[in-house]
């Protein structure tokens, strides 16, 4: 259906339906299952991979301090990748049938149904596909001993992002940084959808001029 909305899709997808129920994507039960992921699957699948990658770097000669610095570098890289993916891919403007359909499956459904807890974190199979070019880049730009820890740091940043994102939608932070992030994310969903692309941090919104001038003043849910 969304593919046929044409130019009206952009306005439609940013009019959220605030219920915990989400739409069905596929008639096939197995394909449908692959689109639904509980939040705890993300750390369960990827944290062991992070540990394994860091161990590879130490086995290849990095000291614990060097491995830790590489992990921190990977986390920092993730914050930029998080921003770029959210701004330039997840919020790409589409009007064609296949463009609208692809965007809805990728991110549009999250904006239309922001409380759908089973379509908030990224399915591991899709994450694995996106990991391939990132891993290739790290291998080309760093040494064989540094690349695994760098990539592990990036992966750790991703896990933090997905778990944080889930908490912002379904948790109830009452104070501190969690409350600030929740207000920031709610602002992106319900007030200014074309700004505020950072989830775990607003640093790159400040750097690239997409920090929203106005924000929601309170949390209503």
N, C-alpha and C. Protein backbone atom coordinates (compact mmCIF):
# COMPACT_ATOMS: atom_id res chain seq x y z
N UNK A 1 0.83 -1.21 0.00
CA UNK A 1 0.00 0.00 0.00
C UNK A 1 0.86 1.26 0.00
N UNK A 2 1.91 1.29 0.85
CA UNK A 2 2.70 2.52 0.98
C UNK A 2 3.37 2.90 -0.32
N UNK A 3 3.69 1.91 -1.15
CA UNK A 3 4.35 2.21 -2.41
C UNK A 3 3.52 3.09 -3.31
N UNK A 4 2.20 2.99 -3.20
CA UNK A 4 1.30 3.74 -4.07
C UNK A 4 1.02 5.15 -3.57
N UNK A 5 1.56 5.53 -2.43
CA UNK A 5 1.29 6.86 -1.88
C UNK A 5 2.02 7.97 -2.62
N UNK A 6 3.08 7.62 -3.33
CA UNK A 6 3.79 8.62 -4.11
C UNK A 6 4.34 9.74 -3.25
N UNK A 7 4.12 10.98 -3.67
CA UNK A 7 4.62 12.14 -2.94
C UNK A 7 3.95 12.31 -1.58
N UNK A 8 2.77 11.72 -1.40
CA UNK A 8 2.06 11.85 -0.12
C UNK A 8 2.68 10.98 0.97
N UNK A 9 3.58 10.07 0.59
CA UNK A 9 4.18 9.16 1.57
C UNK A 9 4.92 9.90 2.67
N UNK A 10 5.70 10.93 2.30
CA UNK A 10 6.53 11.65 3.27
C UNK A 10 5.68 12.22 4.41
N UNK A 11 4.57 12.83 4.07
CA UNK A 11 3.69 13.39 5.11
C UNK A 11 3.01 12.29 5.90
N UNK A 12 2.56 11.26 5.23
CA UNK A 12 1.83 10.16 5.87
C UNK A 12 2.69 9.43 6.88
N UNK A 13 3.95 9.13 6.52
CA UNK A 13 4.79 8.30 7.38
C UNK A 13 5.20 9.04 8.65
N UNK A 14 5.12 10.37 8.64
CA UNK A 14 5.48 11.16 9.81
C UNK A 14 4.26 11.61 10.60
N UNK A 15 3.17 10.88 10.44
CA UNK A 15 1.98 11.06 11.28
C UNK A 15 1.83 9.79 12.11
N UNK A 16 2.51 9.72 13.26
CA UNK A 16 2.63 8.47 14.02
C UNK A 16 1.31 7.94 14.58
N UNK A 17 1.22 6.62 14.63
CA UNK A 17 0.13 5.93 15.29
C UNK A 17 0.68 5.42 16.63
N UNK A 18 0.19 5.98 17.72
CA UNK A 18 0.78 5.71 19.03
C UNK A 18 0.09 4.53 19.70
N UNK A 19 0.35 3.34 19.19
CA UNK A 19 -0.11 2.10 19.80
C UNK A 19 1.05 1.11 19.78
N UNK A 20 0.98 0.08 20.61
CA UNK A 20 2.05 -0.91 20.67
C UNK A 20 1.93 -1.97 19.59
N UNK A 21 0.84 -1.95 18.84
CA UNK A 21 0.66 -2.92 17.76
C UNK A 21 1.29 -2.40 16.48
N UNK A 22 1.95 -3.29 15.76
CA UNK A 22 2.55 -2.94 14.49
C UNK A 22 1.91 -3.71 13.35
N UNK A 23 2.14 -3.29 12.11
CA UNK A 23 1.54 -3.96 10.96
C UNK A 23 2.26 -5.25 10.60
N UNK A 24 1.61 -6.07 9.85
CA UNK A 24 2.24 -7.28 9.31
C UNK A 24 2.87 -6.92 7.97
N UNK A 25 4.12 -7.37 7.76
CA UNK A 25 4.82 -7.08 6.52
C UNK A 25 4.62 -8.14 5.45
N UNK A 26 4.71 -9.42 5.87
CA UNK A 26 4.71 -10.51 4.90
C UNK A 26 3.65 -11.55 5.24
N UNK A 27 3.10 -12.18 4.19
CA UNK A 27 2.13 -13.25 4.40
C UNK A 27 2.83 -14.51 4.91
N UNK A 28 4.07 -14.71 4.46
CA UNK A 28 4.85 -15.87 4.89
C UNK A 28 5.29 -15.69 6.33
N UNK A 29 4.99 -16.67 7.18
CA UNK A 29 5.29 -16.54 8.61
C UNK A 29 6.79 -16.44 8.90
N UNK A 30 7.61 -17.18 8.14
CA UNK A 30 9.05 -17.14 8.38
C UNK A 30 9.63 -15.78 8.02
N UNK A 31 9.22 -15.24 6.88
CA UNK A 31 9.70 -13.91 6.48
C UNK A 31 9.25 -12.86 7.49
N UNK A 32 8.03 -13.01 7.98
CA UNK A 32 7.51 -12.07 8.98
C UNK A 32 8.32 -12.16 10.26
N UNK A 33 8.70 -13.37 10.65
CA UNK A 33 9.48 -13.56 11.88
C UNK A 33 10.81 -12.84 11.80
N UNK A 34 11.43 -12.82 10.62
CA UNK A 34 12.73 -12.17 10.45
C UNK A 34 12.66 -10.66 10.62
N UNK A 35 11.46 -10.09 10.54
CA UNK A 35 11.32 -8.63 10.69
C UNK A 35 11.04 -8.22 12.13
N UNK A 36 10.88 -9.19 13.02
CA UNK A 36 10.53 -8.89 14.42
C UNK A 36 11.67 -9.36 15.32
N UNK A 37 12.19 -8.46 16.15
CA UNK A 37 13.34 -8.78 16.98
C UNK A 37 13.16 -8.20 18.38
N UNK A 38 13.28 -9.04 19.40
CA UNK A 38 13.25 -8.56 20.78
C UNK A 38 14.58 -7.87 21.09
N UNK A 39 14.55 -6.86 21.95
CA UNK A 39 15.72 -6.03 22.19
C UNK A 39 16.90 -6.83 22.72
N UNK A 40 16.64 -7.84 23.57
CA UNK A 40 17.73 -8.55 24.21
C UNK A 40 18.50 -9.46 23.25
N UNK A 41 17.93 -9.69 22.07
CA UNK A 41 18.64 -10.49 21.07
C UNK A 41 19.92 -9.77 20.61
N UNK A 42 19.88 -8.45 20.59
CA UNK A 42 21.02 -7.67 20.09
C UNK A 42 22.27 -7.89 20.94
N UNK A 43 22.24 -7.63 22.24
CA UNK A 43 23.46 -7.92 23.03
C UNK A 43 23.79 -9.40 23.09
N UNK A 44 22.77 -10.27 23.08
CA UNK A 44 23.01 -11.70 23.14
C UNK A 44 23.80 -12.18 21.93
N UNK A 45 23.51 -11.64 20.77
CA UNK A 45 24.18 -12.06 19.54
C UNK A 45 25.54 -11.37 19.37
N UNK A 46 25.58 -10.05 19.61
CA UNK A 46 26.74 -9.27 19.19
C UNK A 46 27.81 -9.06 20.25
N UNK A 47 27.48 -9.07 21.53
CA UNK A 47 28.53 -8.86 22.53
C UNK A 47 29.59 -9.96 22.52
N UNK A 48 29.22 -11.24 22.35
CA UNK A 48 30.27 -12.27 22.20
C UNK A 48 31.16 -12.02 20.99
N UNK A 49 30.59 -11.48 19.92
CA UNK A 49 31.40 -11.17 18.74
C UNK A 49 32.39 -10.05 19.05
N UNK A 50 31.93 -9.04 19.80
CA UNK A 50 32.81 -7.95 20.21
C UNK A 50 34.00 -8.50 21.00
N UNK A 51 33.72 -9.36 21.98
CA UNK A 51 34.80 -9.95 22.79
C UNK A 51 35.76 -10.77 21.94
N UNK A 52 35.23 -11.52 21.01
CA UNK A 52 36.05 -12.34 20.13
C UNK A 52 36.97 -11.48 19.27
N UNK A 53 36.44 -10.37 18.76
CA UNK A 53 37.24 -9.48 17.91
C UNK A 53 38.38 -8.84 18.70
N UNK A 54 38.09 -8.42 19.93
CA UNK A 54 39.13 -7.82 20.76
C UNK A 54 40.21 -8.86 21.09
N UNK A 55 39.80 -10.08 21.35
CA UNK A 55 40.77 -11.16 21.62
C UNK A 55 41.67 -11.40 20.41
N UNK A 56 41.11 -11.33 19.22
CA UNK A 56 41.92 -11.52 18.01
C UNK A 56 43.01 -10.45 17.94
N UNK A 57 42.64 -9.20 18.25
CA UNK A 57 43.63 -8.12 18.20
C UNK A 57 44.75 -8.33 19.22
N UNK A 58 44.40 -8.79 20.41
CA UNK A 58 45.45 -9.03 21.42
C UNK A 58 46.33 -10.21 21.02
N UNK A 59 45.72 -11.21 20.40
CA UNK A 59 46.50 -12.35 19.93
C UNK A 59 47.45 -11.96 18.80
N UNK A 60 47.08 -10.91 18.06
CA UNK A 60 47.92 -10.45 16.95
C UNK A 60 48.94 -9.41 17.39
N UNK A 61 49.00 -9.13 18.69
CA UNK A 61 50.09 -8.29 19.18
C UNK A 61 49.72 -7.01 19.88
N UNK A 62 48.46 -6.60 19.87
CA UNK A 62 48.08 -5.38 20.57
C UNK A 62 48.14 -5.60 22.08
N UNK A 63 48.65 -4.61 22.80
CA UNK A 63 48.60 -4.66 24.26
C UNK A 63 47.16 -4.37 24.70
N UNK A 64 46.80 -4.72 25.93
CA UNK A 64 45.45 -4.40 26.41
C UNK A 64 45.11 -2.91 26.27
N UNK A 65 46.08 -2.04 26.54
CA UNK A 65 45.84 -0.60 26.41
C UNK A 65 45.57 -0.21 24.96
N UNK A 66 46.37 -0.76 24.06
CA UNK A 66 46.19 -0.45 22.64
C UNK A 66 44.85 -0.98 22.14
N UNK A 67 44.48 -2.17 22.60
CA UNK A 67 43.19 -2.74 22.20
C UNK A 67 42.04 -1.89 22.72
N UNK A 68 42.17 -1.41 23.96
CA UNK A 68 41.13 -0.56 24.54
C UNK A 68 41.00 0.75 23.76
N UNK A 69 42.13 1.33 23.36
CA UNK A 69 42.09 2.57 22.58
C UNK A 69 41.44 2.34 21.22
N UNK A 70 41.73 1.18 20.63
CA UNK A 70 41.11 0.85 19.35
C UNK A 70 39.61 0.69 19.49
N UNK A 71 39.17 0.08 20.57
CA UNK A 71 37.74 -0.07 20.83
C UNK A 71 37.08 1.30 20.98
N UNK A 72 37.73 2.19 21.73
CA UNK A 72 37.19 3.55 21.90
C UNK A 72 37.12 4.26 20.54
N UNK A 73 38.14 4.07 19.72
CA UNK A 73 38.11 4.65 18.37
C UNK A 73 36.96 4.11 17.55
N UNK A 74 36.69 2.82 17.68
CA UNK A 74 35.57 2.22 16.96
C UNK A 74 34.24 2.76 17.44
N UNK A 75 34.11 2.98 18.75
CA UNK A 75 32.87 3.55 19.29
C UNK A 75 32.66 4.96 18.75
N UNK A 76 33.74 5.74 18.72
CA UNK A 76 33.64 7.10 18.19
C UNK A 76 33.22 7.07 16.72
N UNK A 77 33.82 6.15 15.96
CA UNK A 77 33.42 6.00 14.55
C UNK A 77 31.94 5.67 14.45
N UNK A 78 31.44 4.81 15.34
CA UNK A 78 30.03 4.45 15.28
C UNK A 78 29.13 5.67 15.46
N UNK A 79 29.49 6.58 16.36
CA UNK A 79 28.62 7.74 16.58
C UNK A 79 28.42 8.54 15.29
N UNK A 80 29.46 8.64 14.49
CA UNK A 80 29.34 9.33 13.20
C UNK A 80 28.53 8.50 12.21
N UNK A 81 28.78 7.18 12.18
CA UNK A 81 28.03 6.32 11.29
C UNK A 81 26.55 6.31 11.66
N UNK A 82 26.26 6.28 12.96
CA UNK A 82 24.88 6.34 13.44
C UNK A 82 24.18 7.57 12.90
N UNK A 83 24.84 8.72 13.00
CA UNK A 83 24.27 9.97 12.51
C UNK A 83 24.05 9.93 11.00
N UNK A 84 25.07 9.50 10.26
CA UNK A 84 25.00 9.49 8.79
C UNK A 84 23.92 8.54 8.29
N UNK A 85 23.85 7.34 8.87
CA UNK A 85 22.82 6.39 8.46
C UNK A 85 21.44 6.95 8.71
N UNK A 86 21.25 7.53 9.90
CA UNK A 86 19.93 8.05 10.26
C UNK A 86 19.53 9.22 9.37
N UNK A 87 20.47 10.10 9.13
CA UNK A 87 20.13 11.30 8.34
C UNK A 87 20.01 11.01 6.85
N UNK A 88 20.98 10.32 6.27
CA UNK A 88 21.06 10.22 4.82
C UNK A 88 20.43 8.96 4.23
N UNK A 89 20.30 7.89 5.02
CA UNK A 89 19.66 6.68 4.52
C UNK A 89 18.26 6.50 5.11
N UNK A 90 18.15 6.55 6.43
CA UNK A 90 16.86 6.32 7.06
C UNK A 90 15.86 7.44 6.78
N UNK A 91 16.35 8.63 6.44
CA UNK A 91 15.45 9.75 6.14
C UNK A 91 15.60 10.22 4.70
N UNK A 92 15.96 9.31 3.83
CA UNK A 92 16.02 9.62 2.41
C UNK A 92 14.61 9.95 1.89
N UNK A 93 14.53 10.92 1.00
CA UNK A 93 13.23 11.32 0.43
C UNK A 93 12.90 10.40 -0.74
N UNK A 94 11.72 9.81 -0.71
CA UNK A 94 11.31 8.90 -1.78
C UNK A 94 9.89 9.23 -2.24
N UNK A 95 9.61 8.94 -3.49
CA UNK A 95 8.26 9.12 -4.03
C UNK A 95 7.83 7.94 -4.90
N UNK A 96 8.80 7.10 -5.33
CA UNK A 96 8.47 5.98 -6.21
C UNK A 96 7.88 4.82 -5.41
N UNK A 97 7.28 3.88 -6.11
CA UNK A 97 6.67 2.71 -5.46
C UNK A 97 7.71 1.93 -4.66
N UNK A 98 8.82 1.56 -5.32
CA UNK A 98 9.82 0.76 -4.64
C UNK A 98 10.62 1.57 -3.62
N UNK A 99 10.81 2.85 -3.90
CA UNK A 99 11.50 3.71 -2.95
C UNK A 99 10.72 3.84 -1.65
N UNK A 100 9.42 4.10 -1.77
CA UNK A 100 8.58 4.21 -0.57
C UNK A 100 8.52 2.89 0.19
N UNK A 101 8.41 1.80 -0.55
CA UNK A 101 8.33 0.48 0.09
C UNK A 101 9.61 0.16 0.84
N UNK A 102 10.76 0.41 0.19
CA UNK A 102 12.05 0.15 0.83
C UNK A 102 12.21 1.00 2.08
N UNK A 103 11.88 2.28 1.97
CA UNK A 103 12.04 3.17 3.13
C UNK A 103 11.13 2.76 4.27
N UNK A 104 9.92 2.36 3.95
CA UNK A 104 8.98 1.95 5.01
C UNK A 104 9.50 0.72 5.75
N UNK A 105 10.01 -0.24 5.01
CA UNK A 105 10.55 -1.44 5.65
C UNK A 105 11.80 -1.13 6.46
N UNK A 106 12.61 -0.18 5.98
CA UNK A 106 13.87 0.14 6.63
C UNK A 106 13.68 0.99 7.89
N UNK A 107 12.89 2.06 7.77
CA UNK A 107 12.79 3.01 8.89
C UNK A 107 11.42 3.67 9.00
N UNK A 108 10.70 3.72 7.88
CA UNK A 108 9.42 4.42 7.90
C UNK A 108 8.43 3.82 8.88
N UNK A 109 8.42 2.49 8.99
CA UNK A 109 7.49 1.84 9.91
C UNK A 109 7.76 2.26 11.35
N UNK A 110 9.04 2.50 11.66
CA UNK A 110 9.39 2.93 13.02
C UNK A 110 8.80 4.31 13.31
N UNK A 111 8.78 5.18 12.33
CA UNK A 111 8.19 6.51 12.54
C UNK A 111 6.67 6.44 12.55
N UNK A 112 6.12 5.54 11.77
CA UNK A 112 4.66 5.42 11.74
C UNK A 112 4.16 4.73 13.01
N UNK A 113 4.91 3.76 13.51
CA UNK A 113 4.52 2.99 14.70
C UNK A 113 5.68 3.03 15.71
N UNK A 114 5.95 4.17 16.35
CA UNK A 114 7.13 4.30 17.21
C UNK A 114 7.11 3.44 18.46
N UNK A 115 5.95 2.89 18.82
CA UNK A 115 5.88 2.05 20.02
C UNK A 115 5.88 0.56 19.72
N UNK A 116 6.09 0.20 18.46
CA UNK A 116 6.18 -1.21 18.08
C UNK A 116 7.53 -1.75 18.55
N UNK A 117 7.53 -2.44 19.68
CA UNK A 117 8.77 -2.89 20.30
C UNK A 117 9.50 -3.98 19.55
N UNK A 118 8.82 -4.67 18.63
CA UNK A 118 9.46 -5.77 17.90
C UNK A 118 10.08 -5.30 16.59
N UNK A 119 9.86 -4.03 16.23
CA UNK A 119 10.48 -3.50 15.01
C UNK A 119 11.27 -2.23 15.32
N UNK A 120 11.89 -2.23 16.47
CA UNK A 120 12.68 -1.06 16.87
C UNK A 120 14.17 -1.33 16.71
N UNK A 121 14.64 -2.48 17.19
CA UNK A 121 16.05 -2.83 17.00
C UNK A 121 16.23 -3.51 15.65
N UNK A 122 17.48 -3.51 15.16
CA UNK A 122 17.75 -4.02 13.82
C UNK A 122 17.92 -5.53 13.86
N UNK A 123 17.25 -6.28 13.00
CA UNK A 123 17.41 -7.74 12.98
C UNK A 123 18.87 -8.13 12.73
N UNK A 124 19.39 -9.13 13.44
CA UNK A 124 20.80 -9.52 13.28
C UNK A 124 21.20 -9.85 11.85
N UNK A 125 20.31 -10.48 11.09
CA UNK A 125 20.66 -10.83 9.71
C UNK A 125 20.93 -9.58 8.88
N UNK A 126 20.11 -8.56 9.07
CA UNK A 126 20.32 -7.30 8.34
C UNK A 126 21.59 -6.61 8.81
N UNK A 127 21.84 -6.65 10.12
CA UNK A 127 23.06 -6.05 10.66
C UNK A 127 24.30 -6.71 10.08
N UNK A 128 24.27 -8.03 9.96
CA UNK A 128 25.42 -8.76 9.42
C UNK A 128 25.73 -8.31 8.00
N UNK A 129 24.70 -8.05 7.22
CA UNK A 129 24.90 -7.59 5.84
C UNK A 129 25.57 -6.21 5.84
N UNK A 130 25.10 -5.32 6.71
CA UNK A 130 25.66 -3.97 6.77
C UNK A 130 27.08 -3.96 7.34
N UNK A 131 27.40 -5.00 8.13
CA UNK A 131 28.74 -5.08 8.72
C UNK A 131 29.82 -5.33 7.68
N UNK A 132 29.46 -5.99 6.59
CA UNK A 132 30.47 -6.40 5.60
C UNK A 132 31.27 -5.22 5.05
N UNK A 133 30.62 -4.15 4.55
CA UNK A 133 31.42 -3.03 4.02
C UNK A 133 32.22 -2.30 5.10
N UNK A 134 31.68 -2.23 6.33
CA UNK A 134 32.40 -1.56 7.42
C UNK A 134 33.66 -2.34 7.78
N UNK A 135 33.53 -3.65 7.88
CA UNK A 135 34.69 -4.50 8.17
C UNK A 135 35.74 -4.37 7.08
N UNK A 136 35.30 -4.36 5.84
CA UNK A 136 36.22 -4.22 4.71
C UNK A 136 36.98 -2.90 4.80
N UNK A 137 36.28 -1.83 5.16
CA UNK A 137 36.91 -0.52 5.29
C UNK A 137 37.98 -0.52 6.38
N UNK A 138 37.65 -1.11 7.53
CA UNK A 138 38.62 -1.17 8.63
C UNK A 138 39.86 -1.97 8.22
N UNK A 139 39.65 -3.06 7.50
CA UNK A 139 40.78 -3.88 7.07
C UNK A 139 41.70 -3.11 6.13
N UNK A 140 41.10 -2.27 5.27
CA UNK A 140 41.88 -1.53 4.30
C UNK A 140 42.62 -0.34 4.93
N UNK A 141 42.04 0.24 5.99
CA UNK A 141 42.58 1.48 6.54
C UNK A 141 43.40 1.30 7.81
N UNK A 142 43.45 0.08 8.34
CA UNK A 142 44.23 -0.14 9.57
C UNK A 142 45.01 -1.45 9.47
N UNK A 143 45.84 -1.68 10.46
CA UNK A 143 46.69 -2.87 10.45
C UNK A 143 45.89 -4.12 10.79
N UNK A 144 46.42 -5.31 10.45
CA UNK A 144 45.71 -6.55 10.77
C UNK A 144 45.47 -6.75 12.25
N UNK A 145 46.33 -6.19 13.09
CA UNK A 145 46.13 -6.35 14.52
C UNK A 145 45.12 -5.34 15.08
N UNK A 146 45.01 -4.17 14.46
CA UNK A 146 44.12 -3.12 14.96
C UNK A 146 42.69 -3.26 14.44
N UNK A 147 42.54 -3.73 13.22
CA UNK A 147 41.22 -3.77 12.58
C UNK A 147 40.15 -4.51 13.39
N UNK A 148 40.44 -5.70 13.94
CA UNK A 148 39.39 -6.39 14.70
C UNK A 148 38.90 -5.60 15.90
N UNK A 149 39.80 -5.00 16.68
CA UNK A 149 39.39 -4.23 17.85
C UNK A 149 38.63 -2.97 17.45
N UNK A 150 39.06 -2.32 16.38
CA UNK A 150 38.34 -1.15 15.87
C UNK A 150 36.91 -1.54 15.49
N UNK A 151 36.82 -2.64 14.74
CA UNK A 151 35.50 -3.11 14.31
C UNK A 151 34.66 -3.53 15.51
N UNK A 152 35.31 -4.18 16.48
CA UNK A 152 34.60 -4.56 17.70
C UNK A 152 34.07 -3.35 18.44
N UNK A 153 34.84 -2.27 18.47
CA UNK A 153 34.37 -1.05 19.10
C UNK A 153 33.17 -0.47 18.38
N UNK A 154 33.24 -0.49 17.04
CA UNK A 154 32.09 -0.02 16.27
C UNK A 154 30.86 -0.85 16.55
N UNK A 155 31.06 -2.17 16.65
CA UNK A 155 29.95 -3.07 16.93
C UNK A 155 29.40 -2.84 18.34
N UNK A 156 30.30 -2.57 19.29
CA UNK A 156 29.86 -2.25 20.64
C UNK A 156 29.05 -0.95 20.66
N UNK A 157 29.48 0.02 19.87
CA UNK A 157 28.72 1.25 19.74
C UNK A 157 27.33 1.00 19.19
N UNK A 158 27.25 0.10 18.20
CA UNK A 158 25.94 -0.25 17.63
C UNK A 158 25.05 -0.90 18.68
N UNK A 159 25.58 -1.84 19.45
CA UNK A 159 24.78 -2.50 20.49
C UNK A 159 24.27 -1.47 21.50
N UNK A 160 25.14 -0.56 21.89
CA UNK A 160 24.73 0.50 22.82
C UNK A 160 23.62 1.35 22.22
N UNK A 161 23.77 1.66 20.94
CA UNK A 161 22.77 2.46 20.24
C UNK A 161 21.40 1.77 20.22
N UNK A 162 21.38 0.51 19.81
CA UNK A 162 20.09 -0.18 19.68
C UNK A 162 19.41 -0.37 21.03
N UNK A 163 20.18 -0.73 22.05
CA UNK A 163 19.60 -0.90 23.39
C UNK A 163 19.14 0.43 23.97
N UNK A 164 19.93 1.48 23.73
CA UNK A 164 19.52 2.82 24.19
C UNK A 164 18.26 3.26 23.49
N UNK A 165 18.19 3.04 22.20
CA UNK A 165 17.03 3.44 21.42
C UNK A 165 15.76 2.74 21.93
N UNK A 166 15.90 1.46 22.22
CA UNK A 166 14.75 0.72 22.75
C UNK A 166 14.32 1.30 24.09
N UNK A 167 15.30 1.58 24.96
CA UNK A 167 14.98 2.11 26.28
C UNK A 167 14.30 3.49 26.18
N UNK A 168 14.74 4.31 25.23
CA UNK A 168 14.14 5.63 25.09
C UNK A 168 12.68 5.54 24.69
N UNK A 169 12.32 4.50 23.95
CA UNK A 169 10.93 4.34 23.52
C UNK A 169 10.07 3.61 24.55
N UNK A 170 10.67 2.72 25.31
CA UNK A 170 9.86 1.87 26.19
C UNK A 170 10.23 1.98 27.67
N UNK A 171 11.32 2.63 28.00
CA UNK A 171 11.69 2.87 29.39
C UNK A 171 11.14 4.21 29.86
N UNK A 172 11.37 4.51 31.12
CA UNK A 172 10.87 5.75 31.70
C UNK A 172 11.96 6.43 32.52
N UNK A 173 12.98 6.95 31.83
CA UNK A 173 14.03 7.68 32.56
C UNK A 173 13.43 8.94 33.19
N UNK A 174 13.68 9.13 34.47
CA UNK A 174 13.05 10.24 35.18
C UNK A 174 13.97 11.44 35.35
N UNK A 175 15.28 11.23 35.12
CA UNK A 175 16.20 12.34 35.29
C UNK A 175 17.51 12.02 34.60
N UNK A 176 18.40 13.01 34.57
CA UNK A 176 19.73 12.80 34.04
C UNK A 176 19.78 12.69 32.52
N UNK A 177 20.88 12.07 32.04
CA UNK A 177 21.13 12.00 30.61
C UNK A 177 20.07 11.18 29.89
N UNK A 178 19.54 10.13 30.53
CA UNK A 178 18.50 9.32 29.91
C UNK A 178 17.27 10.14 29.59
N UNK A 179 16.87 11.01 30.49
CA UNK A 179 15.70 11.86 30.25
C UNK A 179 15.97 12.85 29.11
N UNK A 180 17.20 13.38 29.07
CA UNK A 180 17.56 14.30 28.00
C UNK A 180 17.47 13.60 26.64
N UNK A 181 18.02 12.37 26.56
CA UNK A 181 17.97 11.62 25.31
C UNK A 181 16.55 11.27 24.91
N UNK A 182 15.72 10.90 25.87
CA UNK A 182 14.33 10.53 25.57
C UNK A 182 13.58 11.74 25.01
N UNK A 183 13.76 12.90 25.65
CA UNK A 183 13.12 14.11 25.15
C UNK A 183 13.59 14.44 23.75
N UNK A 184 14.88 14.23 23.51
CA UNK A 184 15.47 14.51 22.20
C UNK A 184 14.88 13.60 21.13
N UNK A 185 14.71 12.33 21.47
CA UNK A 185 14.15 11.37 20.52
C UNK A 185 12.67 11.61 20.27
N UNK A 186 11.94 11.93 21.33
CA UNK A 186 10.52 12.26 21.16
C UNK A 186 10.35 13.49 20.27
N UNK A 187 11.23 14.45 20.42
CA UNK A 187 11.19 15.64 19.60
C UNK A 187 11.35 15.29 18.12
N UNK A 188 12.26 14.33 17.85
CA UNK A 188 12.50 13.89 16.48
C UNK A 188 11.28 13.18 15.91
N UNK A 189 10.58 12.43 16.72
CA UNK A 189 9.43 11.67 16.24
C UNK A 189 8.17 12.52 16.10
N UNK A 190 7.95 13.42 17.04
CA UNK A 190 6.64 14.07 17.12
C UNK A 190 6.64 15.57 16.81
N UNK A 191 7.83 16.17 16.64
CA UNK A 191 7.84 17.62 16.42
C UNK A 191 8.68 18.04 15.23
N UNK A 192 9.96 17.68 15.21
CA UNK A 192 10.86 18.12 14.14
C UNK A 192 11.56 16.90 13.57
N UNK A 193 10.94 16.26 12.58
CA UNK A 193 11.46 14.99 12.06
C UNK A 193 12.70 15.15 11.18
N UNK A 194 12.95 16.36 10.69
CA UNK A 194 14.09 16.56 9.79
C UNK A 194 15.32 17.10 10.51
N UNK A 195 15.33 17.00 11.84
CA UNK A 195 16.50 17.39 12.63
C UNK A 195 16.61 16.43 13.81
N UNK A 196 17.73 16.52 14.54
CA UNK A 196 17.91 15.66 15.71
C UNK A 196 18.12 14.20 15.35
N UNK A 197 19.15 13.92 14.54
CA UNK A 197 19.36 12.56 14.04
C UNK A 197 20.19 11.69 14.98
N UNK A 198 20.86 12.29 15.97
CA UNK A 198 21.62 11.51 16.92
C UNK A 198 20.69 10.79 17.89
N UNK A 199 21.04 9.56 18.26
CA UNK A 199 20.26 8.80 19.23
C UNK A 199 21.00 8.71 20.55
N UNK A 200 22.25 8.29 20.51
CA UNK A 200 23.03 8.16 21.74
C UNK A 200 23.75 9.46 22.10
N UNK A 201 23.81 10.41 21.16
CA UNK A 201 24.47 11.68 21.42
C UNK A 201 24.01 12.69 20.36
N UNK A 202 23.99 13.95 20.75
CA UNK A 202 23.62 15.02 19.81
C UNK A 202 24.84 15.71 19.23
N UNK A 203 26.04 15.17 19.47
CA UNK A 203 27.27 15.86 19.08
C UNK A 203 27.32 16.16 17.59
N UNK A 204 26.95 15.19 16.75
CA UNK A 204 27.06 15.41 15.31
C UNK A 204 25.95 16.30 14.79
N UNK A 205 24.83 16.37 15.49
CA UNK A 205 23.80 17.35 15.13
C UNK A 205 24.33 18.76 15.33
N UNK A 206 25.11 18.97 16.39
CA UNK A 206 25.74 20.27 16.61
C UNK A 206 26.78 20.56 15.52
N UNK A 207 27.59 19.55 15.19
CA UNK A 207 28.66 19.74 14.21
C UNK A 207 28.10 20.07 12.84
N UNK A 208 27.03 19.38 12.42
CA UNK A 208 26.51 19.52 11.06
C UNK A 208 25.27 20.40 10.96
N UNK A 209 24.91 21.09 12.04
CA UNK A 209 23.83 22.07 11.98
C UNK A 209 22.44 21.50 11.93
N UNK A 210 22.24 20.30 12.48
CA UNK A 210 20.89 19.71 12.48
C UNK A 210 20.34 19.59 13.90
N UNK A 211 20.92 20.33 14.83
CA UNK A 211 20.37 20.36 16.18
C UNK A 211 19.09 21.19 16.15
N UNK A 212 17.96 20.64 16.62
CA UNK A 212 16.69 21.36 16.53
C UNK A 212 16.68 22.61 17.40
N UNK A 213 16.12 23.69 16.84
CA UNK A 213 16.06 24.96 17.57
C UNK A 213 15.07 24.90 18.72
N UNK A 214 14.00 24.13 18.55
CA UNK A 214 12.99 23.97 19.60
C UNK A 214 12.82 22.50 19.90
N UNK A 215 12.51 22.19 21.14
CA UNK A 215 12.31 20.80 21.56
C UNK A 215 11.11 20.69 22.46
N UNK A 216 10.60 19.46 22.59
CA UNK A 216 9.48 19.23 23.49
C UNK A 216 9.92 19.61 24.91
N UNK A 217 9.03 20.23 25.64
CA UNK A 217 9.39 20.75 26.95
C UNK A 217 9.21 19.76 28.07
N UNK A 218 8.45 18.68 27.80
CA UNK A 218 8.23 17.68 28.84
C UNK A 218 7.95 16.33 28.20
N UNK A 219 8.08 15.30 28.99
CA UNK A 219 7.80 13.93 28.55
C UNK A 219 6.41 13.54 29.00
N UNK A 220 5.56 13.19 28.06
CA UNK A 220 4.15 12.93 28.40
C UNK A 220 3.85 11.46 28.51
N UNK A 221 4.79 10.59 28.21
CA UNK A 221 4.52 9.17 28.32
C UNK A 221 5.73 8.44 28.89
